[in-house]
Amino acid sequence: MPYVNVRIFENNVTAEQKSEVIAGITDVLVRVLDKRPETTFVVIDEVPQENWGYKGKSVAELAKQPKD
């Protein structure tokens, strides 16, 4: 029973895009690892940029900084 957790920024991802990601990941597990799609779970967590840290700051803070 594969379980795949995908975490992405909460950033206007459409239902169609999520469906394509779920189908694609499921297809890879079926094709490469011979897993059954009916026992394969893919969960997409959308994380607000304020809750995602990188280099000691939230991504929301980093996005406000001027680009070099």
PDB file of N, CA and C in Angstrom:
ATOM      1  N   MET A   1       0.837  -1.170   0.000  1.00  0.00           N
ATOM      2  CA  MET A   1       0.000   0.000   0.000  1.00  0.00           C
ATOM      3  C   MET A   1       0.889   1.243   0.000  1.00  0.00           C
ATOM      4  N   PRO A   2       1.268   1.747  -1.181  1.00  0.00           N
ATOM      5  CA  PRO A   2       2.077   2.963  -1.230  1.00  0.00           C
ATOM      6  C   PRO A   2       1.275   4.184  -0.782  1.00  0.00           C
ATOM      7  N   TYR A   3       1.967   5.059  -0.096  1.00  0.00           N
ATOM      8  CA  TYR A   3       1.401   6.336   0.328  1.00  0.00           C
ATOM      9  C   TYR A   3       2.424   7.398  -0.046  1.00  0.00           C
ATOM     10  N   VAL A   4       2.032   8.338  -0.886  1.00  0.00           N
ATOM     11  CA  VAL A   4       2.919   9.412  -1.311  1.00  0.00           C
ATOM     12  C   VAL A   4       2.309  10.727  -0.855  1.00  0.00           C
ATOM     13  N   ASN A   5       3.120  11.546  -0.180  1.00  0.00           N
ATOM     14  CA  ASN A   5       2.668  12.846   0.294  1.00  0.00           C
ATOM     15  C   ASN A   5       3.425  13.919  -0.480  1.00  0.00           C
ATOM     16  N   VAL A   6       2.689  14.767  -1.191  1.00  0.00           N
ATOM     17  CA  VAL A   6       3.260  15.853  -1.977  1.00  0.00           C
ATOM     18  C   VAL A   6       2.922  17.160  -1.275  1.00  0.00           C
ATOM     19  N   ARG A   7       3.926  17.948  -0.994  1.00  0.00           N
ATOM     20  CA  ARG A   7       3.691  19.242  -0.361  1.00  0.00           C
ATOM     21  C   ARG A   7       4.083  20.327  -1.341  1.00  0.00           C
ATOM     22  N   ILE A   8       3.143  21.245  -1.554  1.00  0.00           N
ATOM     23  CA  ILE A   8       3.367  22.347  -2.476  1.00  0.00           C
ATOM     24  C   ILE A   8       2.916  23.634  -1.815  1.00  0.00           C
ATOM     25  N   PHE A   9       3.369  24.758  -2.356  1.00  0.00           N
ATOM     26  CA  PHE A   9       2.880  26.037  -1.867  1.00  0.00           C
ATOM     27  C   PHE A   9       1.413  26.184  -2.210  1.00  0.00           C
ATOM     28  N   GLU A  10       0.693  26.812  -1.328  1.00  0.00           N
ATOM     29  CA  GLU A  10      -0.695  27.175  -1.565  1.00  0.00           C
ATOM     30  C   GLU A  10      -0.649  28.351  -2.544  1.00  0.00           C
ATOM     31  N   ASN A  11      -0.785  28.036  -3.826  1.00  0.00           N
ATOM     32  CA  ASN A  11      -0.473  29.051  -4.827  1.00  0.00           C
ATOM     33  C   ASN A  11      -1.279  28.841  -6.106  1.00  0.00           C
ATOM     34  N   ASN A  12      -2.588  28.917  -6.002  1.00  0.00           N
ATOM     35  CA  ASN A  12      -3.462  28.854  -7.170  1.00  0.00           C
ATOM     36  C   ASN A  12      -3.272  27.595  -8.019  1.00  0.00           C
ATOM     37  N   VAL A  13      -3.084  26.467  -7.393  1.00  0.00           N
ATOM     38  CA  VAL A  13      -3.016  25.203  -8.120  1.00  0.00           C
ATOM     39  C   VAL A  13      -4.446  24.751  -8.376  1.00  0.00           C
ATOM     40  N   THR A  14      -4.741  24.446  -9.621  1.00  0.00           N
ATOM     41  CA  THR A  14      -6.113  24.089  -9.973  1.00  0.00           C
ATOM     42  C   THR A  14      -6.416  22.633  -9.632  1.00  0.00           C
ATOM     43  N   ALA A  15      -7.696  22.317  -9.566  1.00  0.00           N
ATOM     44  CA  ALA A  15      -8.124  20.934  -9.331  1.00  0.00           C
ATOM     45  C   ALA A  15      -7.631  20.036 -10.460  1.00  0.00           C
ATOM     46  N   GLU A  16      -7.628  20.563 -11.678  1.00  0.00           N
ATOM     47  CA  GLU A  16      -7.152  19.779 -12.823  1.00  0.00           C
ATOM     48  C   GLU A  16      -5.662  19.460 -12.689  1.00  0.00           C
ATOM     49  N   GLN A  17      -4.873  20.417 -12.238  1.00  0.00           N
ATOM     50  CA  GLN A  17      -3.442  20.183 -12.041  1.00  0.00           C
ATOM     51  C   GLN A  17      -3.206  19.142 -10.949  1.00  0.00           C
ATOM     52  N   LYS A  18      -3.958  19.243  -9.871  1.00  0.00           N
ATOM     53  CA  LYS A  18      -3.827  18.263  -8.788  1.00  0.00           C
ATOM     54  C   LYS A  18      -4.191  16.873  -9.281  1.00  0.00           C
ATOM     55  N   SER A  19      -5.257  16.771 -10.058  1.00  0.00           N
ATOM     56  CA  SER A  19      -5.663  15.470 -10.601  1.00  0.00           C
ATOM     57  C   SER A  19      -4.574  14.880 -11.486  1.00  0.00           C
ATOM     58  N   GLU A  20      -3.927  15.733 -12.280  1.00  0.00           N
ATOM     59  CA  GLU A  20      -2.853  15.257 -13.153  1.00  0.00           C
ATOM     60  C   GLU A  20      -1.650  14.772 -12.350  1.00  0.00           C
ATOM     61  N   VAL A  21      -1.320  15.487 -11.270  1.00  0.00           N
ATOM     62  CA  VAL A  21      -0.217  15.067 -10.396  1.00  0.00           C
ATOM     63  C   VAL A  21      -0.541  13.711  -9.761  1.00  0.00           C
ATOM     64  N   ILE A  22      -1.755  13.571  -9.234  1.00  0.00           N
ATOM     65  CA  ILE A  22      -2.160  12.314  -8.592  1.00  0.00           C
ATOM     66  C   ILE A  22      -2.108  11.164  -9.593  1.00  0.00           C
ATOM     67  N   ALA A  23      -2.648  11.382 -10.790  1.00  0.00           N
ATOM     68  CA  ALA A  23      -2.639  10.331 -11.815  1.00  0.00           C
ATOM     69  C   ALA A  23      -1.220   9.977 -12.241  1.00  0.00           C
ATOM     70  N   GLY A  24      -0.369  10.998 -12.394  1.00  0.00           N
ATOM     71  CA  GLY A  24       1.005  10.753 -12.821  1.00  0.00           C
ATOM     72  C   GLY A  24       1.816   9.973 -11.801  1.00  0.00           C
ATOM     73  N   ILE A  25       1.689  10.345 -10.539  1.00  0.00           N
ATOM     74  CA  ILE A  25       2.414   9.629  -9.482  1.00  0.00           C
ATOM     75  C   ILE A  25       1.915   8.202  -9.376  1.00  0.00           C
ATOM     76  N   THR A  26       0.606   8.026  -9.444  1.00  0.00           N
ATOM     77  CA  THR A  26       0.037   6.677  -9.397  1.00  0.00           C
ATOM     78  C   THR A  26       0.562   5.851 -10.561  1.00  0.00           C
ATOM     79  N   ASP A  27       0.591   6.433 -11.752  1.00  0.00           N
ATOM     80  CA  ASP A  27       1.079   5.722 -12.936  1.00  0.00           C
ATOM     81  C   ASP A  27       2.532   5.272 -12.768  1.00  0.00           C
ATOM     82  N   VAL A  28       3.362   6.138 -12.221  1.00  0.00           N
ATOM     83  CA  VAL A  28       4.774   5.775 -12.000  1.00  0.00           C
ATOM     84  C   VAL A  28       4.883   4.585 -11.049  1.00  0.00           C
ATOM     85  N   LEU A  29       4.124   4.613  -9.966  1.00  0.00           N
ATOM     86  CA  LEU A  29       4.191   3.507  -9.003  1.00  0.00           C
ATOM     87  C   LEU A  29       3.682   2.198  -9.609  1.00  0.00           C
ATOM     88  N   VAL A  30       2.650   2.289 -10.433  1.00  0.00           N
ATOM     89  CA  VAL A  30       2.122   1.090 -11.100  1.00  0.00           C
ATOM     90  C   VAL A  30       3.153   0.558 -12.103  1.00  0.00           C
ATOM     91  N   ARG A  31       3.694   1.454 -12.928  1.00  0.00           N
ATOM     92  CA  ARG A  31       4.594   1.060 -14.006  1.00  0.00           C
ATOM     93  C   ARG A  31       5.959   0.603 -13.499  1.00  0.00           C
ATOM     94  N   VAL A  32       6.525   1.337 -12.566  1.00  0.00           N
ATOM     95  CA  VAL A  32       7.895   1.063 -12.121  1.00  0.00           C
ATOM     96  C   VAL A  32       7.948   0.028 -11.005  1.00  0.00           C
ATOM     97  N   LEU A  33       7.027   0.109 -10.052  1.00  0.00           N
ATOM     98  CA  LEU A  33       7.079  -0.769  -8.885  1.00  0.00           C
ATOM     99  C   LEU A  33       6.008  -1.854  -8.886  1.00  0.00           C
ATOM    100  N   ASP A  34       5.217  -1.900  -9.958  1.00  0.00           N
ATOM    101  CA  ASP A  34       4.159  -2.910 -10.088  1.00  0.00           C
ATOM    102  C   ASP A  34       3.145  -2.840  -8.938  1.00  0.00           C
ATOM    103  N   LYS A  35       2.841  -1.608  -8.514  1.00  0.00           N
ATOM    104  CA  LYS A  35       1.852  -1.425  -7.448  1.00  0.00           C
ATOM    105  C   LYS A  35       0.457  -1.367  -8.039  1.00  0.00           C
ATOM    106  N   ARG A  36      -0.527  -1.695  -7.240  1.00  0.00           N
ATOM    107  CA  ARG A  36      -1.920  -1.666  -7.688  1.00  0.00           C
ATOM    108  C   ARG A  36      -2.504  -0.273  -7.452  1.00  0.00           C
ATOM    109  N   PRO A  37      -3.131   0.324  -8.468  1.00  0.00           N
ATOM    110  CA  PRO A  37      -3.672   1.670  -8.287  1.00  0.00           C
ATOM    111  C   PRO A  37      -4.756   1.736  -7.215  1.00  0.00           C
ATOM    112  N   GLU A  38      -5.485   0.644  -7.025  1.00  0.00           N
ATOM    113  CA  GLU A  38      -6.561   0.668  -6.024  1.00  0.00           C
ATOM    114  C   GLU A  38      -6.046   0.628  -4.588  1.00  0.00           C
ATOM    115  N   THR A  39      -4.748   0.415  -4.415  1.00  0.00           N
ATOM    116  CA  THR A  39      -4.172   0.460  -3.068  1.00  0.00           C
ATOM    117  C   THR A  39      -3.080   1.532  -2.960  1.00  0.00           C
ATOM    118  N   THR A  40      -3.048   2.453  -3.925  1.00  0.00           N
ATOM    119  CA  THR A  40      -2.052   3.516  -3.943  1.00  0.00           C
ATOM    120  C   THR A  40      -2.713   4.832  -3.545  1.00  0.00           C
ATOM    121  N   PHE A  41      -2.135   5.505  -2.576  1.00  0.00           N
ATOM    122  CA  PHE A  41      -2.686   6.750  -2.057  1.00  0.00           C
ATOM    123  C   PHE A  41      -1.718   7.896  -2.322  1.00  0.00           C
ATOM    124  N   VAL A  42      -2.235   8.986  -2.857  1.00  0.00           N
ATOM    125  CA  VAL A  42      -1.452  10.199  -3.082  1.00  0.00           C
ATOM    126  C   VAL A  42      -2.195  11.340  -2.396  1.00  0.00           C
ATOM    127  N   VAL A  43      -1.494  12.043  -1.513  1.00  0.00           N
ATOM    128  CA  VAL A  43      -2.088  13.151  -0.772  1.00  0.00           C
ATOM    129  C   VAL A  43      -1.319  14.424  -1.111  1.00  0.00           C
ATOM    130  N   ILE A  44      -2.041  15.460  -1.477  1.00  0.00           N
ATOM    131  CA  ILE A  44      -1.413  16.746  -1.756  1.00  0.00           C
ATOM    132  C   ILE A  44      -1.745  17.694  -0.611  1.00  0.00           C
ATOM    133  N   ASP A  45      -0.698  18.184   0.046  1.00  0.00           N
ATOM    134  CA  ASP A  45      -0.847  19.182   1.106  1.00  0.00           C
ATOM    135  C   ASP A  45      -0.431  20.529   0.531  1.00  0.00           C
ATOM    136  N   GLU A  46      -1.326  21.502   0.599  1.00  0.00           N
ATOM    137  CA  GLU A  46      -0.996  22.857   0.176  1.00  0.00           C
ATOM    138  C   GLU A  46      -0.603  23.657   1.412  1.00  0.00           C
ATOM    139  N   VAL A  47       0.622  24.137   1.414  1.00  0.00           N
ATOM    140  CA  VAL A  47       1.180  24.817   2.572  1.00  0.00           C
ATOM    141  C   VAL A  47       1.268  26.319   2.286  1.00  0.00           C
ATOM    142  N   PRO A  48       0.725  27.150   3.155  1.00  0.00           N
ATOM    143  CA  PRO A  48       0.891  28.590   2.969  1.00  0.00           C
ATOM    144  C   PRO A  48       2.375  28.967   3.008  1.00  0.00           C
ATOM    145  N   GLN A  49       2.752  29.942   2.197  1.00  0.00           N
ATOM    146  CA  GLN A  49       4.162  30.355   2.147  1.00  0.00           C
ATOM    147  C   GLN A  49       4.673  30.829   3.499  1.00  0.00           C
ATOM    148  N   GLU A  50       3.776  31.332   4.338  1.00  0.00           N
ATOM    149  CA  GLU A  50       4.190  31.771   5.683  1.00  0.00           C
ATOM    150  C   GLU A  50       4.610  30.591   6.553  1.00  0.00           C
ATOM    151  N   ASN A  51       4.163  29.392   6.201  1.00  0.00           N
ATOM    152  CA  ASN A  51       4.457  28.196   7.002  1.00  0.00           C
ATOM    153  C   ASN A  51       5.604  27.369   6.425  1.00  0.00           C
ATOM    154  N   TRP A  52       6.289  27.885   5.404  1.00  0.00           N
ATOM    155  CA  TRP A  52       7.371  27.139   4.760  1.00  0.00           C
ATOM    156  C   TRP A  52       8.642  27.947   4.937  1.00  0.00           C
ATOM    157  N   GLY A  53       9.595  27.397   5.681  1.00  0.00           N
ATOM    158  CA  GLY A  53      10.823  28.119   5.964  1.00  0.00           C
ATOM    159  C   GLY A  53      11.982  27.672   5.103  1.00  0.00           C
ATOM    160  N   TYR A  54      12.855  28.629   4.808  1.00  0.00           N
ATOM    161  CA  TYR A  54      14.049  28.369   4.009  1.00  0.00           C
ATOM    162  C   TYR A  54      15.071  29.448   4.345  1.00  0.00           C
ATOM    163  N   LYS A  55      16.288  29.049   4.602  1.00  0.00           N
ATOM    164  CA  LYS A  55      17.364  29.989   4.940  1.00  0.00           C
ATOM    165  C   LYS A  55      17.010  30.862   6.144  1.00  0.00           C
ATOM    166  N   GLY A  56      16.268  30.299   7.087  1.00  0.00           N
ATOM    167  CA  GLY A  56      15.958  31.002   8.323  1.00  0.00           C
ATOM    168  C   GLY A  56      14.796  31.968   8.248  1.00  0.00           C
ATOM    169  N   LYS A  57      14.088  31.998   7.116  1.00  0.00           N
ATOM    170  CA  LYS A  57      12.946  32.893   6.971  1.00  0.00           C
ATOM    171  C   LYS A  57      11.821  32.146   6.273  1.00  0.00           C
ATOM    172  N   SER A  58      10.623  32.702   6.391  1.00  0.00           N
ATOM    173  CA  SER A  58       9.521  32.096   5.659  1.00  0.00           C
ATOM    174  C   SER A  58       9.660  32.451   4.175  1.00  0.00           C
ATOM    175  N   VAL A  59       9.115  31.625   3.332  1.00  0.00           N
ATOM    176  CA  VAL A  59       9.164  31.882   1.896  1.00  0.00           C
ATOM    177  C   VAL A  59       8.413  33.177   1.574  1.00  0.00           C
ATOM    178  N   ALA A  60       7.362  33.469   2.329  1.00  0.00           N
ATOM    179  CA  ALA A  60       6.631  34.722   2.126  1.00  0.00           C
ATOM    180  C   ALA A  60       7.547  35.924   2.366  1.00  0.00           C
ATOM    181  N   GLU A  61       8.366  35.855   3.413  1.00  0.00           N
ATOM    182  CA  GLU A  61       9.317  36.939   3.681  1.00  0.00           C
ATOM    183  C   GLU A  61      10.354  37.039   2.566  1.00  0.00           C
ATOM    184  N   LEU A  62      10.889  35.913   2.156  1.00  0.00           N
ATOM    185  CA  LEU A  62      11.899  35.898   1.115  1.00  0.00           C
ATOM    186  C   LEU A  62      11.354  36.442  -0.210  1.00  0.00           C
ATOM    187  N   ALA A  63      10.086  36.179  -0.487  1.00  0.00           N
ATOM    188  CA  ALA A  63       9.488  36.652  -1.737  1.00  0.00           C
ATOM    189  C   ALA A  63       9.386  38.168  -1.779  1.00  0.00           C
ATOM    190  N   LYS A  64       9.344  38.809  -0.607  1.00  0.00           N
ATOM    191  CA  LYS A  64       9.247  40.270  -0.532  1.00  0.00           C
ATOM    192  C   LYS A  64      10.603  40.959  -0.706  1.00  0.00           C
ATOM    193  N   GLN A  65      11.683  40.193  -0.561  1.00  0.00           N
ATOM    194  CA  GLN A  65      13.015  40.782  -0.668  1.00  0.00           C
ATOM    195  C   GLN A  65      13.339  41.070  -2.131  1.00  0.00           C
ATOM    196  N   PRO A  66      14.109  42.145  -2.375  1.00  0.00           N
ATOM    197  CA  PRO A  66      14.492  42.461  -3.743  1.00  0.00           C
ATOM    198  C   PRO A  66      15.369  41.348  -4.339  1.00  0.00           C
ATOM    199  N   LYS A  67      15.166  41.102  -5.606  1.00  0.00           N
ATOM    200  CA  LYS A  67      15.960  40.082  -6.313  1.00  0.00           C
ATOM    201  C   LYS A  67      17.286  40.695  -6.701  1.00  0.00           C
ATOM    202  N   ASP A  68      18.333  39.901  -6.587  1.00  0.00           N
ATOM    203  CA  ASP A  68      19.673  40.390  -6.976  1.00  0.00           C
ATOM    204  C   ASP A  68      19.891  40.277  -8.456  1.00  0.00           C
TER     205      ASP A  68
END
